[in-house]
């Protein structure tokens, strides 16, 4: 059950903090070391403030006594910090993991993700093959994963990787998200209506998503989505408008519901302001003597896949696509939903570029090689230093860059744990198959809600593509893992949270731009409300997530849940980092996607 929280920036408390009670843990080398002298003591090292280190008698390695007390103290301090961080992470309780019940409700597993396994001619999975996956998920044994039968050549994407042990932060079971919408629900149907409209509007310029638009298809989409009471897209003045159409939301667990069953949608601050595409995707990023260009190679208009049943069934079985993407020969700025879908197809340098744009100042001699030059967060200890600056080690631009890929990997472990081991929710492409069979083949046993079956979006899609199947931008469809939550959005949310913590999110983006509606190979000035760093980073996060919706491979709930989940993971990483610093540093402060203030 989800609650729509309404207007942009509305705050909420989010997930209930887990119990912090220290658990009993097995005795071992670390525990004996910490307990040898009754805990942590403070010692003073010449020239340094006191370090919290482990007290008691320990046996030094050869050469340590001669190297001086400071060296030994730093070694002990490092051990104490890492041990304390491990204790704090271990103390976070296992979170509740409610599911939508579809896997238990449907014996033929039509509500679950089964792609890549063998399917019959109707697209229903071989039960024994699915049971083999459940056995592997239950055991975690690599041999069981190798025994999973495949329907084609495509392999499951890294399910066992989610069981890797993190050396930084908590593990998957300590995080939670609300259950995915049920197969037969109005919520799931409303998300499908949105996806069918996105498939129809992929080649419409995003500049048409304004309140003065004359585009009849955009207005029809707004009209239909406004009629769906279960739809959770962002609203302004109590309604969906062209300017809020297909924009981002975040889905948090409702703090008032300890079971985790209830979620609440919010619109992240700043994301309804200005152009649809974030400023971080519209400017070349300076990378030393090189540039990371903002113009992209995009798929040619009208290049759509999965509109034939045989093609669709082959993709469900994990058979590689027969047709490649046709590309537009002219690189351009992201100007359509199809462009955004293609940009997020294969791990672009979005957050690396964002860090460079934030941390590199304007180049007066050559503006092309300059960034936004955004100040660091006011909590950065080097802002007040007379003799030092941050760098690769701590608090500089290279340090910010170093945290991004590490956080991304940890975020994916958390998201994939939810995908494989908890929710296993079906992808939109599989839902499209159910619609096809329900209408074309009169399979009434497929409980697709009437809000999509009777929608104008579906009727128009049949008229355009000649099928009830959902058209896709990617020839291979979705990766071979379940839909909920979104992995790409998880990376986006975690990386954006890191950047909001390290840079001044209240600063204004200088000289904002937008693609020229007449020629998307060029940019023109944006003139409107000021765009803040925090708002444009929030926009970057949902741009990255909803680009996969434009492609047809994810639902709104997928990227929305990942914004909150990725944020929680990044906060966990920052909390661990915060205790490693030698600088006089108080805390990270930034604004969450739900508008509340985080202090880490």
Protein backbone atom coordinates (compact mmCIF):
# COMPACT_ATOMS: atom_id res chain seq x y z
CA UNK A 1 0.00 0.00 0.00
CA UNK A 2 1.48 3.35 -1.04
CA UNK A 3 0.54 6.86 -0.01
CA UNK A 4 1.05 9.75 -2.42
CA UNK A 5 2.61 12.59 -0.46
CA UNK A 6 1.76 15.20 -3.06
CA UNK A 7 3.70 18.37 -3.67
CA UNK A 8 7.39 18.87 -4.36
CA UNK A 9 9.72 18.95 -1.40
CA UNK A 10 7.21 17.60 1.09
CA UNK A 11 9.18 16.11 3.95
CA UNK A 12 8.73 12.87 5.80
CA UNK A 13 10.63 10.96 8.36
CA UNK A 14 11.47 8.01 6.10
CA UNK A 15 12.63 4.66 7.44
CA UNK A 16 12.51 3.99 11.15
CA UNK A 17 16.10 3.83 12.45
CA UNK A 18 16.92 0.24 13.37
CA UNK A 19 17.56 -0.65 16.98
CA UNK A 20 21.05 0.28 18.05
CA UNK A 21 21.33 -2.27 20.84
CA UNK A 22 24.75 -3.95 20.79
CA UNK A 23 24.28 -7.64 19.93
CA UNK A 24 26.19 -10.60 21.25
CA UNK A 25 28.83 -11.71 18.77
CA UNK A 26 31.12 -14.72 18.72
CA UNK A 27 34.46 -14.27 20.49
CA UNK A 28 37.46 -14.04 18.19
CA UNK A 29 40.75 -12.29 17.64
CA UNK A 30 39.25 -8.83 17.26
CA UNK A 31 36.96 -9.28 20.26
CA UNK A 32 39.82 -10.58 22.43
CA UNK A 33 42.00 -7.66 21.32
CA UNK A 34 39.35 -5.10 22.16
CA UNK A 35 38.69 -6.72 25.52
CA UNK A 36 42.27 -7.29 26.60
CA UNK A 37 42.40 -4.11 28.71
CA UNK A 38 38.71 -3.60 29.16
CA UNK A 39 38.01 -1.57 26.01
CA UNK A 40 39.24 1.56 24.29
CA UNK A 41 41.65 3.95 25.98
CA UNK A 42 43.13 7.28 24.95
CA UNK A 43 46.84 7.87 24.55
CA UNK A 44 48.71 11.01 23.64
CA UNK A 45 51.22 11.00 20.81
CA UNK A 46 53.81 13.77 20.60
CA UNK A 47 52.55 16.53 18.32
CA UNK A 48 49.10 15.00 17.83
CA UNK A 49 45.79 15.33 19.63
CA UNK A 50 44.69 12.28 21.60
CA UNK A 51 43.89 9.18 19.56
CA UNK A 52 41.29 6.66 20.68
CA UNK A 53 43.21 3.40 20.54
CA UNK A 54 42.97 -0.04 22.03
CA UNK A 55 44.54 -0.25 25.44
CA UNK A 56 46.27 -3.13 27.19
CA UNK A 57 49.30 -5.19 26.36
CA UNK A 58 49.80 -6.11 22.72
CA UNK A 59 52.74 -7.65 21.00
CA UNK A 60 54.37 -5.26 18.54
CA UNK A 61 55.70 -6.45 15.22
CA UNK A 62 59.41 -6.35 14.66
CA UNK A 63 60.64 -2.78 14.28
CA UNK A 64 57.58 -1.10 15.75
CA UNK A 65 59.22 -0.10 19.01
CA UNK A 66 62.04 1.59 17.13
CA UNK A 67 59.66 3.38 14.82
CA UNK A 68 58.26 5.41 17.68
CA UNK A 69 55.01 5.61 19.60
CA UNK A 70 53.29 7.67 16.90
CA UNK A 71 53.54 4.87 14.33
CA UNK A 72 52.23 2.28 16.73
CA UNK A 73 49.46 4.62 17.88
CA UNK A 74 48.30 5.19 14.29
CA UNK A 75 48.26 1.45 13.64
CA UNK A 76 46.18 0.85 16.76
CA UNK A 77 43.92 3.77 15.97
CA UNK A 78 43.22 2.34 12.51
CA UNK A 79 42.32 -0.98 14.06
CA UNK A 80 40.07 0.62 16.65
CA UNK A 81 38.23 2.72 14.08
CA UNK A 82 37.63 -0.21 11.74
CA UNK A 83 36.52 -2.38 14.64
CA UNK A 84 34.16 0.27 15.98
CA UNK A 85 32.69 0.75 12.50
CA UNK A 86 32.16 -3.00 12.18
CA UNK A 87 30.47 -3.08 15.58
CA UNK A 88 28.20 -0.16 14.66
CA UNK A 89 27.21 -1.77 11.35
CA UNK A 90 26.62 -5.13 12.99
CA UNK A 91 24.37 -3.47 15.58
CA UNK A 92 21.93 -2.35 12.87
CA UNK A 93 19.06 -4.83 13.08
CA UNK A 94 17.83 -6.97 10.22
CA UNK A 95 15.10 -4.93 8.54
CA UNK A 96 11.61 -6.24 7.72
CA UNK A 97 11.26 -7.47 4.14
CA UNK A 98 7.57 -7.60 3.21
CA UNK A 99 6.72 -8.93 -0.26
CA UNK A 100 3.65 -8.44 -2.44
CA UNK A 101 2.64 -12.13 -2.27
CA UNK A 102 2.47 -12.70 -6.03
CA UNK A 103 4.98 -15.56 -5.99
CA UNK A 104 2.82 -17.49 -3.53
CA UNK A 105 -0.48 -16.45 -5.12
CA UNK A 106 0.18 -17.63 -8.68
CA UNK A 107 1.33 -21.21 -9.13
CA UNK A 108 2.29 -20.47 -12.73
CA UNK A 109 4.50 -17.58 -11.47
CA UNK A 110 3.03 -15.00 -13.82
CA UNK A 111 3.65 -12.28 -11.22
CA UNK A 112 7.34 -13.10 -10.82
CA UNK A 113 10.45 -12.42 -12.88
CA UNK A 114 11.31 -15.59 -14.77
CA UNK A 115 13.16 -14.24 -17.82
CA UNK A 116 16.19 -16.19 -18.95
CA UNK A 117 14.66 -19.49 -17.84
CA UNK A 118 12.84 -21.92 -20.19
CA UNK A 119 9.24 -20.89 -21.01
CA UNK A 120 6.38 -22.55 -22.88
CA UNK A 121 4.72 -21.06 -25.94
CA UNK A 122 2.52 -18.83 -23.79
CA UNK A 123 5.52 -17.47 -21.96
CA UNK A 124 4.95 -19.34 -18.68
CA UNK A 125 8.09 -20.55 -16.97
CA UNK A 126 9.16 -24.15 -16.46
CA UNK A 127 8.43 -24.65 -12.75
CA UNK A 128 11.40 -26.95 -12.17
CA UNK A 129 13.76 -24.35 -13.59
CA UNK A 130 12.34 -21.65 -11.31
CA UNK A 131 12.61 -23.99 -8.31
CA UNK A 132 16.27 -24.49 -9.16
CA UNK A 133 16.79 -20.73 -8.86
CA UNK A 134 15.02 -20.70 -5.50
CA UNK A 135 17.29 -23.50 -4.31
CA UNK A 136 20.35 -21.47 -5.29
CA UNK A 137 19.04 -18.34 -3.60
CA UNK A 138 18.31 -20.31 -0.43
CA UNK A 139 21.67 -22.05 -0.23
CA UNK A 140 24.02 -19.41 -1.62
CA UNK A 141 26.10 -22.33 -2.90
CA UNK A 142 27.97 -21.49 -6.13
CA UNK A 143 27.34 -25.04 -7.35
CA UNK A 144 23.58 -24.51 -7.08
CA UNK A 145 23.80 -21.36 -9.18
CA UNK A 146 25.70 -23.31 -11.84
CA UNK A 147 22.86 -25.85 -11.93
CA UNK A 148 20.15 -23.32 -12.89
CA UNK A 149 18.68 -24.30 -16.29
CA UNK A 150 18.72 -21.51 -18.85
CA UNK A 151 16.31 -20.99 -21.72
CA UNK A 152 18.91 -19.40 -23.99
CA UNK A 153 22.41 -17.97 -23.92
CA UNK A 154 21.82 -14.98 -21.64
CA UNK A 155 22.93 -15.56 -18.07
CA UNK A 156 21.59 -14.29 -14.77
CA UNK A 157 23.33 -11.08 -13.82
CA UNK A 158 25.49 -11.50 -10.72
CA UNK A 159 22.99 -12.90 -8.17
CA UNK A 160 25.70 -14.40 -5.98
CA UNK A 161 27.56 -11.09 -5.95
CA UNK A 162 24.95 -9.71 -3.55
CA UNK A 163 26.22 -12.15 -0.93
CA UNK A 164 29.73 -10.65 -0.99
CA UNK A 165 30.82 -9.26 2.39
CA UNK A 166 31.13 -5.48 2.50
CA UNK A 167 34.20 -4.06 4.20
CA UNK A 168 32.36 -0.73 4.34
CA UNK A 169 28.81 -0.38 5.56
CA UNK A 170 25.90 -2.70 6.19
CA UNK A 171 24.75 -5.62 4.05
CA UNK A 172 21.57 -6.15 2.04
CA UNK A 173 19.30 -7.61 4.76
CA UNK A 174 19.81 -4.51 6.92
CA UNK A 175 18.03 -2.25 4.43
CA UNK A 176 14.37 -2.28 3.47
CA UNK A 177 11.93 -1.00 0.87
CA UNK A 178 8.13 -1.37 0.66
CA UNK A 179 6.77 -4.34 -1.29
CA UNK A 180 6.36 -3.96 -5.04
CA UNK A 181 2.84 -3.32 -6.36
CA UNK A 182 0.84 -6.52 -6.85
CA UNK A 183 0.23 -7.91 -10.31
CA UNK A 184 -3.52 -7.34 -10.24
CA UNK A 185 -3.48 -3.93 -8.59
CA UNK A 186 -4.60 -0.56 -9.90
CA UNK A 187 -1.18 0.76 -8.89
CA UNK A 188 0.63 -1.63 -11.22
CA UNK A 189 -1.86 -0.87 -13.98
CA UNK A 190 -1.34 2.88 -13.55
CA UNK A 191 2.41 2.40 -13.89
CA UNK A 192 1.78 0.42 -17.07
CA UNK A 193 -0.39 3.21 -18.46
CA UNK A 194 2.51 5.61 -17.87
CA UNK A 195 4.94 3.27 -19.64
CA UNK A 196 2.69 2.88 -22.68
CA UNK A 197 2.44 6.66 -22.91
CA UNK A 198 6.22 6.95 -22.62
CA UNK A 199 6.63 4.45 -25.45
CA UNK A 200 4.27 6.54 -27.58
CA UNK A 201 6.02 9.83 -26.75
CA UNK A 202 9.67 8.70 -26.96
CA UNK A 203 10.41 10.86 -29.98
CA UNK A 204 8.50 13.94 -28.84
CA UNK A 205 10.95 16.68 -27.76
CA UNK A 206 11.09 17.02 -23.98
CA UNK A 207 10.73 20.75 -24.54
CA UNK A 208 7.05 19.98 -25.26
CA UNK A 209 6.55 19.01 -21.61
CA UNK A 210 5.56 22.54 -20.63
CA UNK A 211 2.23 23.91 -19.52
CA UNK A 212 1.83 25.92 -22.70
CA UNK A 213 2.34 22.89 -24.95
CA UNK A 214 0.08 22.39 -27.93
CA UNK A 215 1.11 18.75 -28.37
CA UNK A 216 -2.15 16.78 -28.33
CA UNK A 217 -0.48 13.50 -27.33
CA UNK A 218 1.19 15.10 -24.31
CA UNK A 219 -2.13 16.61 -23.27
CA UNK A 220 -3.87 13.24 -23.72
CA UNK A 221 -1.30 11.55 -21.50
CA UNK A 222 -1.79 14.20 -18.80
CA UNK A 223 -5.56 13.83 -19.01
CA UNK A 224 -5.51 10.04 -18.67
CA UNK A 225 -2.97 9.88 -15.85
CA UNK A 226 -4.95 12.49 -13.91
CA UNK A 227 -7.94 10.14 -13.98
CA UNK A 228 -6.02 7.25 -12.37
CA UNK A 229 -6.37 7.54 -8.60
CA UNK A 230 -3.66 4.92 -8.00
CA UNK A 231 -0.99 6.73 -10.03
CA UNK A 232 1.91 8.04 -7.92
CA UNK A 233 3.58 10.49 -10.30
CA UNK A 234 4.42 14.01 -9.12
CA UNK A 235 1.69 16.61 -8.94
CA UNK A 236 1.56 20.37 -8.69
CA UNK A 237 -1.53 22.22 -7.48
CA UNK A 238 -3.14 18.82 -6.84
CA UNK A 239 -2.81 17.61 -10.40
CA UNK A 240 -0.51 16.23 -13.04
CA UNK A 241 0.47 18.85 -15.59
CA UNK A 242 2.66 18.71 -18.70
CA UNK A 243 5.49 20.13 -16.58
CA UNK A 244 5.21 17.34 -13.98
CA UNK A 245 4.63 14.59 -16.56
CA UNK A 246 7.21 11.77 -16.37
CA UNK A 247 9.22 13.55 -13.66
CA UNK A 248 10.73 11.91 -10.62
CA UNK A 249 9.52 10.60 -7.29
CA UNK A 250 11.13 8.84 -4.35
CA UNK A 251 9.46 6.03 -2.40
CA UNK A 252 10.26 5.69 1.30
CA UNK A 253 9.08 3.19 3.85
CA UNK A 254 6.50 4.92 6.03
CA UNK A 255 8.09 5.44 9.44
CA UNK A 256 4.70 4.98 11.10
CA UNK A 257 4.47 1.38 9.87
CA UNK A 258 7.06 -0.85 11.58
CA UNK A 259 6.12 -3.78 9.32
CA UNK A 260 7.51 -1.93 6.29
CA UNK A 261 4.36 -2.67 4.28
CA UNK A 262 3.42 0.96 3.69
CA UNK A 263 5.34 3.30 1.44
CA UNK A 264 5.04 7.00 0.82
CA UNK A 265 5.89 8.82 -2.40
CA UNK A 266 7.56 12.25 -2.31
CA UNK A 267 8.82 14.60 -4.99
CA UNK A 268 12.51 15.46 -4.37
CA UNK A 269 13.22 19.17 -3.88
CA UNK A 270 14.07 21.14 -7.00
CA UNK A 271 13.08 18.46 -9.47
CA UNK A 272 9.98 20.24 -10.81
CA UNK A 273 11.99 23.39 -11.52
CA UNK A 274 13.50 24.16 -14.89
CA UNK A 275 14.22 21.89 -17.86
CA UNK A 276 13.47 18.18 -17.71
CA UNK A 277 17.13 17.22 -18.17
CA UNK A 278 19.61 18.01 -15.38
CA UNK A 279 22.27 20.63 -16.02
CA UNK A 280 24.85 17.96 -15.20
CA UNK A 281 23.92 16.18 -18.45
CA UNK A 282 24.12 19.28 -20.65
CA UNK A 283 27.68 20.53 -20.20
CA UNK A 284 30.95 18.94 -21.32
CA UNK A 285 32.87 17.86 -18.23
CA UNK A 286 36.52 19.02 -18.03
CA UNK A 287 38.80 16.04 -17.43
CA UNK A 288 42.30 17.49 -17.31
CA UNK A 289 43.32 18.16 -20.91
CA UNK A 290 40.29 16.23 -22.17
CA UNK A 291 36.54 16.62 -22.15
CA UNK A 292 33.74 14.16 -21.43
CA UNK A 293 31.20 15.33 -24.02
CA UNK A 294 27.56 15.92 -23.14
CA UNK A 295 26.43 15.21 -26.70
CA UNK A 296 25.59 11.55 -27.19
CA UNK A 297 25.06 8.95 -29.87
CA UNK A 298 21.39 8.11 -29.74
CA UNK A 299 19.06 5.58 -31.28
CA UNK A 300 17.29 6.66 -34.45
CA UNK A 301 13.69 7.76 -34.03
CA UNK A 302 11.22 4.91 -34.42
CA UNK A 303 13.72 2.17 -33.57
CA UNK A 304 11.57 -0.02 -31.32
CA UNK A 305 11.73 -3.68 -30.31
CA UNK A 306 9.58 -6.48 -28.81
CA UNK A 307 6.55 -5.64 -30.90
CA UNK A 308 6.40 -9.13 -32.47
CA UNK A 309 5.35 -12.12 -30.35
CA UNK A 310 8.13 -14.47 -31.50
CA UNK A 311 10.71 -11.79 -30.76
CA UNK A 312 9.11 -11.19 -27.34
CA UNK A 313 9.10 -14.90 -26.43
CA UNK A 314 12.72 -15.32 -27.48
CA UNK A 315 13.71 -12.47 -25.16
CA UNK A 316 11.79 -14.08 -22.27
CA UNK A 317 13.78 -17.28 -22.83
CA UNK A 318 17.07 -15.40 -22.74
CA UNK A 319 17.87 -15.69 -26.44
CA UNK A 320 20.01 -12.76 -27.66
CA UNK A 321 18.20 -10.30 -29.94
CA UNK A 322 18.24 -10.86 -33.69
CA UNK A 323 18.22 -7.18 -34.68
CA UNK A 324 20.65 -4.44 -33.56
CA UNK A 325 19.82 -0.84 -32.74
CA UNK A 326 19.90 1.70 -35.56
CA UNK A 327 21.74 4.85 -34.47
CA UNK A 328 21.34 8.45 -35.53
CA UNK A 329 24.65 9.45 -37.17
CA UNK A 330 24.58 12.93 -35.59
CA UNK A 331 25.53 13.30 -31.92
CA UNK A 332 23.23 15.60 -29.97
CA UNK A 333 22.21 16.69 -26.51
CA UNK A 334 19.58 14.65 -24.71
CA UNK A 335 16.38 16.06 -26.12
CA UNK A 336 13.85 13.19 -26.13
CA UNK A 337 12.84 10.27 -23.96
CA UNK A 338 14.54 7.94 -26.44
CA UNK A 339 17.77 9.93 -26.08
CA UNK A 340 17.64 9.60 -22.30
CA UNK A 341 16.93 5.88 -22.57
CA UNK A 342 19.96 5.40 -24.80
CA UNK A 343 22.17 7.51 -22.53
CA UNK A 344 21.52 5.28 -19.51
CA UNK A 345 21.76 2.04 -21.51
CA UNK A 346 25.38 1.16 -20.76
CA UNK A 347 26.84 2.79 -17.63
CA UNK A 348 27.68 6.34 -18.76
CA UNK A 349 30.07 8.61 -16.88
CA UNK A 350 27.21 10.66 -15.44
CA UNK A 351 28.39 10.96 -11.83
CA UNK A 352 32.10 11.17 -12.60
CA UNK A 353 31.21 14.03 -14.95
CA UNK A 354 29.00 15.63 -12.30
CA UNK A 355 31.86 15.59 -9.79
CA UNK A 356 34.17 17.23 -12.34
CA UNK A 357 31.61 19.89 -13.17
CA UNK A 358 31.14 20.62 -9.48
CA UNK A 359 34.80 20.68 -8.52
CA UNK A 360 36.46 22.36 -11.51
CA UNK A 361 36.18 26.13 -11.77
CA UNK A 362 35.48 28.22 -14.85
CA UNK A 363 38.31 28.54 -17.36
CA UNK A 364 38.52 32.23 -18.31
CA UNK A 365 40.82 31.54 -21.25
CA UNK A 366 38.66 28.74 -22.67
CA UNK A 367 35.16 28.42 -21.27
CA UNK A 368 34.76 25.03 -22.94
CA UNK A 369 37.24 23.50 -20.49
CA UNK A 370 35.66 24.94 -17.36
CA UNK A 371 33.21 23.51 -14.86
CA UNK A 372 30.62 25.12 -12.60
CA UNK A 373 33.17 25.73 -9.83
CA UNK A 374 30.80 24.94 -6.95
CA UNK A 375 32.22 25.45 -3.43
CA UNK A 376 32.66 22.49 -1.15
CA UNK A 377 30.12 21.88 1.59
CA UNK A 378 30.32 24.39 4.45
CA UNK A 379 31.40 21.54 6.74
CA UNK A 380 34.58 20.91 4.72
CA UNK A 381 37.41 21.45 7.25
CA UNK A 382 39.78 22.90 4.65
CA UNK A 383 37.59 25.91 3.95
CA UNK A 384 38.99 27.53 7.09
CA UNK A 385 42.55 26.23 6.81
CA UNK A 386 45.28 28.80 6.18
CA UNK A 387 47.89 26.31 5.00
CA UNK A 388 46.19 23.19 3.59
CA UNK A 389 43.69 22.02 1.02
CA UNK A 390 41.90 18.74 0.48
CA UNK A 391 42.97 16.30 -2.22
CA UNK A 392 43.06 12.61 -3.05
CA UNK A 393 43.21 11.57 0.61
CA UNK A 394 40.28 13.52 2.01
CA UNK A 395 37.81 16.30 1.19
CA UNK A 396 39.07 17.24 -2.28
CA UNK A 397 37.59 16.64 -5.71
CA UNK A 398 39.68 13.46 -6.27
CA UNK A 399 38.47 12.13 -2.93
CA UNK A 400 34.87 12.73 -3.97
CA UNK A 401 35.55 10.90 -7.23
CA UNK A 402 37.12 7.97 -5.37
CA UNK A 403 33.96 7.42 -3.31
CA UNK A 404 31.66 7.20 -6.32
CA UNK A 405 32.61 3.81 -7.84
CA UNK A 406 33.06 2.21 -4.42
CA UNK A 407 29.63 3.40 -3.33
CA UNK A 408 28.13 2.27 -6.64
CA UNK A 409 29.38 -1.29 -6.15
CA UNK A 410 28.06 -1.44 -2.58
CA UNK A 411 24.74 0.05 -3.71
CA UNK A 412 24.32 -2.61 -6.38
CA UNK A 413 24.95 -5.37 -3.84
CA UNK A 414 22.11 -3.98 -1.74
CA UNK A 415 19.74 -3.48 -4.68
CA UNK A 416 20.45 -6.89 -6.22
CA UNK A 417 19.96 -8.58 -2.86
CA UNK A 418 16.45 -7.14 -2.85
CA UNK A 419 15.91 -8.19 -6.48
CA UNK A 420 17.04 -11.82 -6.22
CA UNK A 421 16.46 -12.74 -2.61
CA UNK A 422 13.26 -10.85 -1.72
CA UNK A 423 10.98 -9.37 -4.38
CA UNK A 424 11.56 -11.09 -7.75
CA UNK A 425 8.98 -8.74 -9.34
CA UNK A 426 8.15 -9.10 -13.02
CA UNK A 427 9.48 -6.71 -15.65
CA UNK A 428 7.20 -4.49 -17.75
CA UNK A 429 7.99 -6.57 -20.84
CA UNK A 430 6.51 -9.65 -19.14
CA UNK A 431 3.46 -7.67 -18.02
CA UNK A 432 2.98 -6.64 -21.63
CA UNK A 433 2.87 -10.32 -22.53
CA UNK A 434 0.06 -10.86 -20.03
CA UNK A 435 -1.89 -7.99 -21.60
CA UNK A 436 -1.35 -9.55 -25.02
CA UNK A 437 -2.68 -12.93 -23.95
CA UNK A 438 -5.54 -11.43 -21.95
CA UNK A 439 -6.86 -9.50 -24.96
CA UNK A 440 -5.61 -11.28 -28.07
CA UNK A 441 -5.98 -14.84 -26.79
CA UNK A 442 -8.78 -14.35 -24.21
CA UNK A 443 -6.74 -15.73 -21.29
CA UNK A 444 -9.06 -14.44 -18.56
CA UNK A 445 -6.99 -16.13 -15.87
CA UNK A 446 -4.36 -13.42 -16.26
CA UNK A 447 -5.54 -10.83 -13.70
CA UNK A 448 -4.47 -7.61 -15.42
CA UNK A 449 -6.32 -4.60 -14.00
CA UNK A 450 -8.90 -2.82 -16.14
CA UNK A 451 -7.16 0.56 -15.83
CA UNK A 452 -4.57 -0.56 -18.38
CA UNK A 453 -6.83 -2.85 -20.42
CA UNK A 454 -9.26 -0.01 -21.04
CA UNK A 455 -6.71 2.77 -21.38
CA UNK A 456 -6.27 5.19 -24.25
CA UNK A 457 -2.53 4.56 -24.01
CA UNK A 458 -2.97 0.87 -24.84
CA UNK A 459 -5.42 1.58 -27.64
CA UNK A 460 -3.04 4.07 -29.22
CA UNK A 461 -0.09 1.71 -28.79
CA UNK A 462 -1.96 -1.03 -30.66
CA UNK A 463 -2.71 1.47 -33.40
CA UNK A 464 0.94 2.48 -33.68
CA UNK A 465 2.73 -0.85 -33.22
CA UNK A 466 0.04 -3.37 -34.14
CA UNK A 467 0.40 -5.24 -30.85
CA UNK A 468 -0.60 -5.14 -27.18
CA UNK A 469 3.02 -5.82 -26.23
CA UNK A 470 5.01 -2.92 -24.78
CA UNK A 471 7.57 -1.58 -27.25
CA UNK A 472 11.18 -1.27 -26.06
CA UNK A 473 14.23 0.83 -26.91
CA UNK A 474 16.77 -1.89 -26.08
CA UNK A 475 16.84 -4.88 -28.45
CA UNK A 476 17.78 -7.25 -25.60
CA UNK A 477 15.10 -5.91 -23.27
CA UNK A 478 15.93 -5.77 -19.58
CA UNK A 479 18.92 -7.33 -17.79
CA UNK A 480 18.31 -10.85 -16.49
CA UNK A 481 17.25 -9.98 -12.98
CA UNK A 482 13.99 -8.76 -11.52
CA UNK A 483 12.57 -5.29 -11.86
CA UNK A 484 12.31 -4.11 -8.25
CA UNK A 485 14.21 -2.06 -7.18
CA UNK A 486 16.13 -0.40 -10.03
CA UNK A 487 19.86 -1.06 -10.10
CA UNK A 488 20.77 1.96 -12.24
CA UNK A 489 18.67 4.22 -10.02
CA UNK A 490 20.36 2.72 -6.97
CA UNK A 491 23.76 3.78 -8.30
CA UNK A 492 22.37 7.20 -9.15
CA UNK A 493 20.86 7.79 -5.72
CA UNK A 494 23.96 6.67 -3.83
CA UNK A 495 26.36 8.73 -5.95
CA UNK A 496 24.19 11.84 -5.88
CA UNK A 497 23.97 11.58 -2.09
CA UNK A 498 27.77 11.48 -1.85
CA UNK A 499 28.04 14.61 -4.01
CA UNK A 500 25.36 16.47 -2.03
CA UNK A 501 27.28 15.72 1.16
CA UNK A 502 30.61 17.00 -0.18
CA UNK A 503 29.55 20.08 -2.18
CA UNK A 504 27.39 23.11 -1.40
CA UNK A 505 23.93 21.95 -2.47
CA UNK A 506 22.47 25.42 -1.91
CA UNK A 507 24.70 27.04 -4.54
CA UNK A 508 23.11 28.17 -7.79
CA UNK A 509 24.09 26.64 -11.12
CA UNK A 510 25.70 29.41 -13.19
CA UNK A 511 24.49 30.12 -16.72
CA UNK A 512 22.00 27.24 -17.05
CA UNK A 513 21.24 25.89 -20.52
CA UNK A 514 18.79 23.68 -22.37
CA UNK A 515 18.79 21.93 -25.75
CA UNK A 516 17.62 24.08 -28.64
CA UNK A 517 14.16 22.70 -29.59
CA UNK A 518 14.91 23.55 -33.22
CA UNK A 519 18.37 21.96 -33.27
CA UNK A 520 19.33 19.60 -30.37
CA UNK A 521 22.98 19.67 -31.46
CA UNK A 522 23.05 23.13 -29.86
CA UNK A 523 22.23 24.63 -26.48
CA UNK A 524 20.38 27.83 -25.68
CA UNK A 525 20.15 29.73 -22.37
CA UNK A 526 17.52 28.70 -19.83
CA UNK A 527 15.70 31.65 -18.34
CA UNK A 528 13.51 30.91 -15.37
CA UNK A 529 13.69 30.10 -11.69
CA UNK A 530 17.25 29.65 -10.34
CA UNK A 531 18.50 26.07 -10.42
CA UNK A 532 20.32 24.87 -7.32
CA UNK A 533 23.05 22.26 -7.14
CA UNK A 534 20.91 20.10 -4.85
CA UNK A 535 17.89 20.31 -7.12
CA UNK A 536 19.88 19.48 -10.24
CA UNK A 537 21.62 16.57 -8.50
CA UNK A 538 18.21 15.27 -7.43
CA UNK A 539 17.09 15.70 -11.02
CA UNK A 540 20.17 13.82 -12.24
CA UNK A 541 19.25 10.89 -9.98
CA UNK A 542 15.74 10.48 -11.35
CA UNK A 543 16.84 11.30 -14.92
CA UNK A 544 19.13 8.30 -14.62
CA UNK A 545 16.40 6.11 -13.18
CA UNK A 546 13.48 7.15 -15.36
CA UNK A 547 15.60 6.84 -18.49
CA UNK A 548 15.16 3.10 -18.02
CA UNK A 549 11.40 3.63 -17.89
CA UNK A 550 11.56 5.47 -21.21
CA UNK A 551 13.34 2.36 -22.51
CA UNK A 552 10.47 0.15 -21.29
CA UNK A 553 12.44 -1.97 -18.81
CA UNK A 554 11.43 -0.48 -15.42
CA UNK A 555 8.40 0.75 -13.50
CA UNK A 556 8.06 4.07 -11.65
CA UNK A 557 8.11 2.22 -8.31
CA UNK A 558 11.47 0.66 -9.26
CA UNK A 559 13.46 3.87 -9.53
CA UNK A 560 11.46 5.60 -6.79
CA UNK A 561 12.26 2.91 -4.20
CA UNK A 562 15.90 2.97 -5.27
CA UNK A 563 16.24 6.68 -4.58
CA UNK A 564 15.46 6.10 -0.91
CA UNK A 565 17.41 2.83 -0.74
CA UNK A 566 20.50 4.22 -2.47
CA UNK A 567 20.42 7.25 -0.21
CA UNK A 568 20.34 5.02 2.89
CA UNK A 569 23.34 3.05 1.62
CA UNK A 570 25.31 6.23 0.90
CA UNK A 571 24.56 7.58 4.39
CA UNK A 572 25.92 4.32 5.77
CA UNK A 573 29.13 4.78 3.72
CA UNK A 574 29.50 8.40 4.82
CA UNK A 575 29.04 7.39 8.46
CA UNK A 576 31.93 4.94 8.13
CA UNK A 577 34.10 7.49 6.31
CA UNK A 578 33.40 10.17 8.86
CA UNK A 579 35.14 8.21 11.62
CA UNK A 580 38.35 7.75 9.64
CA UNK A 581 39.31 11.43 9.35
CA UNK A 582 42.19 13.13 11.18
CA UNK A 583 40.85 16.59 10.31
CA UNK A 584 38.69 18.45 12.79
CA UNK A 585 35.40 17.57 11.14
CA UNK A 586 32.00 17.70 12.77
CA UNK A 587 29.48 16.11 10.38
CA UNK A 588 28.06 15.89 6.89
CA UNK A 589 24.79 17.74 6.38
CA UNK A 590 22.58 17.65 3.29
CA UNK A 591 18.96 17.40 2.17
CA UNK A 592 17.45 13.98 1.57
CA UNK A 593 15.22 13.20 -1.38
CA UNK A 594 12.23 13.58 0.94
CA UNK A 595 13.19 17.15 1.85
CA UNK A 596 14.33 16.38 5.41
CA UNK A 597 17.78 17.29 6.67
CA UNK A 598 20.37 14.54 7.13
CA UNK A 599 23.23 14.86 9.62
CA UNK A 600 25.91 12.19 9.44
